[in-house]
Amino acid sequence: MVSDDREFQKRKAELEERLGELEIERVSLLSEVESLRQKRTLLDLGKRGAALQAAVERLREQKADLEARIASIEDR
């Protein structure tokens, strides 16, 4: 009986320690996951911004080209 109680206490302590370790790891992982999500969001936004900037630049060039062609035609 005493041996069973000691074994119970030992096993209980081991499990409680493991639960504590897992809780610490869980909190750490939650923080890391949130940080990685934020980083991914910034990278995605940066990539989308660069693509949009390139599209806007192409449109500006097309506009300037068309304006120059129209001006050339009007001057004739």
N, C-alpha and C. Protein backbone atom coordinates (compact mmCIF):
# COMPACT_ATOMS: atom_id res chain seq x y z
N MET A 1 0.82 -1.20 0.00
CA MET A 1 0.00 0.00 0.00
C MET A 1 0.87 1.26 0.00
N VAL A 2 1.87 1.29 0.87
CA VAL A 2 2.75 2.45 0.93
C VAL A 2 3.51 2.59 -0.39
N SER A 3 3.91 1.48 -0.96
CA SER A 3 4.62 1.51 -2.23
C SER A 3 3.72 2.06 -3.33
N ASP A 4 2.47 1.68 -3.31
CA ASP A 4 1.51 2.19 -4.29
C ASP A 4 1.35 3.69 -4.15
N ASP A 5 1.29 4.17 -2.91
CA ASP A 5 1.13 5.60 -2.66
C ASP A 5 2.36 6.37 -3.13
N ARG A 6 3.55 5.82 -2.86
CA ARG A 6 4.77 6.47 -3.31
C ARG A 6 4.84 6.50 -4.83
N GLU A 7 4.47 5.40 -5.45
CA GLU A 7 4.47 5.33 -6.91
C GLU A 7 3.46 6.34 -7.48
N PHE A 8 2.30 6.44 -6.84
CA PHE A 8 1.29 7.40 -7.26
C PHE A 8 1.84 8.82 -7.16
N GLN A 9 2.43 9.17 -6.05
CA GLN A 9 2.97 10.50 -5.84
C GLN A 9 4.08 10.82 -6.83
N LYS A 10 4.93 9.83 -7.08
CA LYS A 10 6.02 10.02 -8.04
C LYS A 10 5.45 10.26 -9.43
N ARG A 11 4.53 9.42 -9.84
CA ARG A 11 3.94 9.54 -11.17
C ARG A 11 3.17 10.85 -11.31
N LYS A 12 2.45 11.22 -10.25
CA LYS A 12 1.69 12.47 -10.24
C LYS A 12 2.63 13.66 -10.42
N ALA A 13 3.74 13.67 -9.71
CA ALA A 13 4.73 14.75 -9.79
C ALA A 13 5.32 14.81 -11.20
N GLU A 14 5.62 13.66 -11.77
CA GLU A 14 6.16 13.63 -13.13
C GLU A 14 5.17 14.22 -14.13
N LEU A 15 3.92 13.82 -14.01
CA LEU A 15 2.90 14.32 -14.92
C LEU A 15 2.66 15.81 -14.74
N GLU A 16 2.64 16.28 -13.52
CA GLU A 16 2.46 17.71 -13.27
C GLU A 16 3.63 18.51 -13.83
N GLU A 17 4.83 17.97 -13.70
CA GLU A 17 6.01 18.65 -14.26
C GLU A 17 5.90 18.70 -15.78
N ARG A 18 5.50 17.59 -16.38
CA ARG A 18 5.34 17.54 -17.84
C ARG A 18 4.27 18.52 -18.30
N LEU A 19 3.17 18.60 -17.55
CA LEU A 19 2.12 19.55 -17.89
C LEU A 19 2.64 20.99 -17.84
N GLY A 20 3.43 21.29 -16.84
CA GLY A 20 4.03 22.62 -16.73
C GLY A 20 4.93 22.93 -17.91
N GLU A 21 5.75 21.95 -18.30
CA GLU A 21 6.63 22.14 -19.44
C GLU A 21 5.83 22.36 -20.72
N LEU A 22 4.79 21.57 -20.90
CA LEU A 22 3.95 21.71 -22.09
C LEU A 22 3.25 23.05 -22.13
N GLU A 23 2.81 23.53 -20.99
CA GLU A 23 2.14 24.83 -20.95
C GLU A 23 3.10 25.95 -21.33
N ILE A 24 4.32 25.87 -20.84
CA ILE A 24 5.35 26.86 -21.19
C ILE A 24 5.62 26.81 -22.69
N GLU A 25 5.74 25.61 -23.23
CA GLU A 25 5.99 25.46 -24.67
C GLU A 25 4.80 25.99 -25.48
N ARG A 26 3.58 25.71 -25.01
CA ARG A 26 2.39 26.19 -25.70
C ARG A 26 2.37 27.70 -25.79
N VAL A 27 2.66 28.37 -24.69
CA VAL A 27 2.67 29.83 -24.66
C VAL A 27 3.75 30.37 -25.61
N SER A 28 4.91 29.74 -25.57
CA SER A 28 5.99 30.16 -26.45
C SER A 28 5.61 29.97 -27.92
N LEU A 29 5.02 28.84 -28.24
CA LEU A 29 4.63 28.57 -29.62
C LEU A 29 3.54 29.52 -30.10
N LEU A 30 2.60 29.83 -29.22
CA LEU A 30 1.56 30.80 -29.58
C LEU A 30 2.18 32.14 -29.97
N SER A 31 3.15 32.56 -29.19
CA SER A 31 3.83 33.82 -29.47
C SER A 31 4.59 33.75 -30.79
N GLU A 32 5.30 32.66 -31.01
CA GLU A 32 6.06 32.51 -32.25
C GLU A 32 5.13 32.45 -33.46
N VAL A 33 4.03 31.73 -33.34
CA VAL A 33 3.07 31.62 -34.44
C VAL A 33 2.51 32.99 -34.79
N GLU A 34 2.15 33.77 -33.79
CA GLU A 34 1.62 35.11 -34.04
C GLU A 34 2.66 35.98 -34.71
N SER A 35 3.89 35.89 -34.25
CA SER A 35 4.98 36.67 -34.86
C SER A 35 5.19 36.27 -36.32
N LEU A 36 5.15 34.98 -36.59
CA LEU A 36 5.32 34.51 -37.97
C LEU A 36 4.15 34.93 -38.85
N ARG A 37 2.94 34.91 -38.31
CA ARG A 37 1.78 35.38 -39.08
C ARG A 37 1.93 36.86 -39.44
N GLN A 38 2.40 37.64 -38.48
CA GLN A 38 2.60 39.06 -38.75
C GLN A 38 3.66 39.27 -39.82
N LYS A 39 4.75 38.50 -39.73
CA LYS A 39 5.81 38.62 -40.72
C LYS A 39 5.29 38.24 -42.10
N ARG A 40 4.51 37.14 -42.17
CA ARG A 40 3.94 36.73 -43.45
C ARG A 40 3.02 37.80 -44.02
N THR A 41 2.22 38.42 -43.16
CA THR A 41 1.33 39.48 -43.61
C THR A 41 2.12 40.64 -44.20
N LEU A 42 3.18 41.04 -43.52
CA LEU A 42 4.01 42.13 -44.02
C LEU A 42 4.67 41.77 -45.36
N LEU A 43 5.15 40.54 -45.46
CA LEU A 43 5.76 40.11 -46.72
C LEU A 43 4.74 40.07 -47.85
N ASP A 44 3.55 39.55 -47.55
CA ASP A 44 2.48 39.52 -48.56
C ASP A 44 2.10 40.93 -49.01
N LEU A 45 1.96 41.83 -48.05
CA LEU A 45 1.61 43.21 -48.38
C LEU A 45 2.71 43.87 -49.20
N GLY A 46 3.95 43.61 -48.83
CA GLY A 46 5.08 44.16 -49.59
C GLY A 46 5.09 43.66 -51.01
N LYS A 47 4.84 42.38 -51.18
CA LYS A 47 4.82 41.80 -52.52
C LYS A 47 3.67 42.37 -53.34
N ARG A 48 2.51 42.47 -52.73
CA ARG A 48 1.36 43.06 -53.43
C ARG A 48 1.61 44.52 -53.76
N GLY A 49 2.25 45.23 -52.85
CA GLY A 49 2.57 46.64 -53.09
C GLY A 49 3.53 46.80 -54.25
N ALA A 50 4.52 45.94 -54.32
CA ALA A 50 5.50 46.01 -55.41
C ALA A 50 4.82 45.72 -56.75
N ALA A 51 3.94 44.73 -56.77
CA ALA A 51 3.23 44.40 -58.01
C ALA A 51 2.32 45.54 -58.44
N LEU A 52 1.64 46.13 -57.47
CA LEU A 52 0.76 47.25 -57.78
C LEU A 52 1.57 48.46 -58.25
N GLN A 53 2.70 48.70 -57.63
CA GLN A 53 3.57 49.81 -58.04
C GLN A 53 4.02 49.62 -59.48
N ALA A 54 4.39 48.39 -59.84
CA ALA A 54 4.81 48.11 -61.21
C ALA A 54 3.67 48.34 -62.19
N ALA A 55 2.46 47.92 -61.81
CA ALA A 55 1.29 48.11 -62.68
C ALA A 55 1.01 49.60 -62.87
N VAL A 56 1.10 50.35 -61.79
CA VAL A 56 0.86 51.80 -61.86
C VAL A 56 1.92 52.46 -62.75
N GLU A 57 3.14 52.03 -62.62
CA GLU A 57 4.22 52.61 -63.44
C GLU A 57 3.98 52.33 -64.93
N ARG A 58 3.57 51.09 -65.24
CA ARG A 58 3.26 50.77 -66.64
C ARG A 58 2.12 51.64 -67.16
N LEU A 59 1.09 51.83 -66.35
CA LEU A 59 -0.03 52.68 -66.77
C LEU A 59 0.41 54.14 -66.96
N ARG A 60 1.28 54.61 -66.10
CA ARG A 60 1.79 55.98 -66.26
C ARG A 60 2.54 56.12 -67.59
N GLU A 61 3.35 55.11 -67.90
CA GLU A 61 4.10 55.13 -69.16
C GLU A 61 3.15 55.09 -70.35
N GLN A 62 2.13 54.24 -70.27
CA GLN A 62 1.14 54.17 -71.36
C GLN A 62 0.41 55.51 -71.52
N LYS A 63 0.06 56.12 -70.39
CA LYS A 63 -0.63 57.40 -70.43
C LYS A 63 0.25 58.45 -71.10
N ALA A 64 1.51 58.52 -70.67
CA ALA A 64 2.44 59.51 -71.24
C ALA A 64 2.63 59.26 -72.73
N ASP A 65 2.74 58.00 -73.12
CA ASP A 65 2.90 57.67 -74.53
C ASP A 65 1.67 58.09 -75.33
N LEU A 66 0.50 57.77 -74.82
CA LEU A 66 -0.73 58.16 -75.52
C LEU A 66 -0.89 59.68 -75.59
N GLU A 67 -0.55 60.36 -74.52
CA GLU A 67 -0.63 61.82 -74.54
C GLU A 67 0.32 62.40 -75.59
N ALA A 68 1.51 61.82 -75.68
CA ALA A 68 2.49 62.29 -76.67
C ALA A 68 1.99 62.01 -78.09
N ARG A 69 1.41 60.86 -78.32
CA ARG A 69 0.88 60.54 -79.66
C ARG A 69 -0.29 61.47 -80.03
N ILE A 70 -1.17 61.71 -79.04
CA ILE A 70 -2.31 62.61 -79.29
C ILE A 70 -1.80 64.01 -79.60
N ALA A 71 -0.83 64.48 -78.85
CA ALA A 71 -0.27 65.82 -79.08
C ALA A 71 0.36 65.89 -80.46
N SER A 72 1.03 64.82 -80.86
CA SER A 72 1.66 64.80 -82.18
C SER A 72 0.61 64.86 -83.29
N ILE A 73 -0.48 64.16 -83.10
CA ILE A 73 -1.55 64.17 -84.11
C ILE A 73 -2.23 65.53 -84.16
N GLU A 74 -2.45 66.10 -82.99
CA GLU A 74 -3.12 67.41 -82.93
C GLU A 74 -2.28 68.51 -83.56
N ASP A 75 -0.96 68.40 -83.50
CA ASP A 75 -0.06 69.40 -84.05
C ASP A 75 -0.01 69.37 -85.58
N ARG A 76 -0.49 68.37 -86.18
CA ARG A 76 -0.43 68.24 -87.66
C ARG A 76 -1.42 69.10 -88.33
